[in-house]
């Protein structure tokens, strides 16, 4: 299971998404909390803007995937 600890944020979310392409929507929604998590880290300057964008783009992919099911 993916942890939300800072050191374990995936560097390449799209790669992990492909490996977990059979994610069920209910599971996808868990990742929606990453939006606020990411924003908080960015405010605390623990996240570079680029890394934050990667996480947010992963959220968008998961949202689109769950809506298509």
Protein backbone atom coordinates (compact mmCIF):
# COMPACT_ATOMS: atom_id res chain seq x y z
CA UNK A 1 0.00 0.00 0.00
CA UNK A 2 1.25 3.45 -0.83
CA UNK A 3 2.10 5.50 2.23
CA UNK A 4 1.48 9.22 2.43
CA UNK A 5 4.80 9.90 4.13
CA UNK A 6 6.80 12.60 2.39
CA UNK A 7 9.69 10.33 1.43
CA UNK A 8 7.37 7.87 -0.28
CA UNK A 9 5.50 10.15 -2.67
CA UNK A 10 5.89 8.51 -6.09
CA UNK A 11 8.19 10.37 -8.45
CA UNK A 12 6.44 8.94 -11.51
CA UNK A 13 2.76 8.62 -10.65
CA UNK A 14 1.75 7.58 -14.17
CA UNK A 15 4.01 4.52 -13.96
CA UNK A 16 2.43 3.39 -10.71
CA UNK A 17 -0.99 4.09 -12.20
CA UNK A 18 -0.27 1.76 -15.12
CA UNK A 19 0.87 -1.00 -12.76
CA UNK A 20 -2.38 -0.58 -10.82
CA UNK A 21 -4.60 -0.14 -13.86
CA UNK A 22 -7.26 -2.33 -12.29
CA UNK A 23 -7.79 0.04 -9.37
CA UNK A 24 -11.38 0.07 -8.25
CA UNK A 25 -13.05 3.51 -8.02
CA UNK A 26 -13.45 3.23 -4.23
CA UNK A 27 -9.71 2.80 -3.97
CA UNK A 28 -9.09 5.71 -6.33
CA UNK A 29 -11.03 8.07 -4.12
CA UNK A 30 -8.55 7.49 -1.33
CA UNK A 31 -5.99 9.31 -3.45
CA UNK A 32 -8.20 12.40 -3.65
CA UNK A 33 -6.98 13.32 -0.16
CA UNK A 34 -3.56 13.74 -1.78
CA UNK A 35 -4.76 17.06 -3.21
CA UNK A 36 -5.01 18.67 0.23
CA UNK A 37 -1.97 16.73 1.41
CA UNK A 38 0.07 18.06 -1.49
CA UNK A 39 -1.19 21.62 -1.06
CA UNK A 40 -0.26 21.54 2.62
CA UNK A 41 3.26 20.29 1.87
CA UNK A 42 3.63 22.98 -0.78
CA UNK A 43 2.61 25.65 1.73
CA UNK A 44 5.20 24.27 4.15
CA UNK A 45 7.77 24.31 1.31
CA UNK A 46 8.39 20.59 1.69
CA UNK A 47 7.40 20.07 -1.91
CA UNK A 48 8.92 21.62 -4.99
CA UNK A 49 6.31 22.97 -7.39
CA UNK A 50 7.23 20.36 -10.04
CA UNK A 51 6.73 17.44 -7.66
CA UNK A 52 3.43 18.91 -6.52
CA UNK A 53 2.25 19.11 -10.13
CA UNK A 54 3.16 15.46 -10.66
CA UNK A 55 1.00 14.41 -7.73
CA UNK A 56 -1.88 16.62 -8.86
CA UNK A 57 -1.72 15.19 -12.39
CA UNK A 58 -1.88 11.69 -10.91
CA UNK A 59 -5.02 12.73 -9.00
CA UNK A 60 -6.58 13.90 -12.27
CA UNK A 61 -5.78 10.57 -13.95
CA UNK A 62 -7.38 8.65 -11.09
CA UNK A 63 -10.45 10.90 -11.13
CA UNK A 64 -10.89 10.33 -14.87
CA UNK A 65 -10.40 6.59 -14.43
CA UNK A 66 -12.98 6.31 -11.65
CA UNK A 67 -15.52 8.37 -13.64
CA UNK A 68 -15.13 6.10 -16.66
CA UNK A 69 -16.11 3.00 -14.68
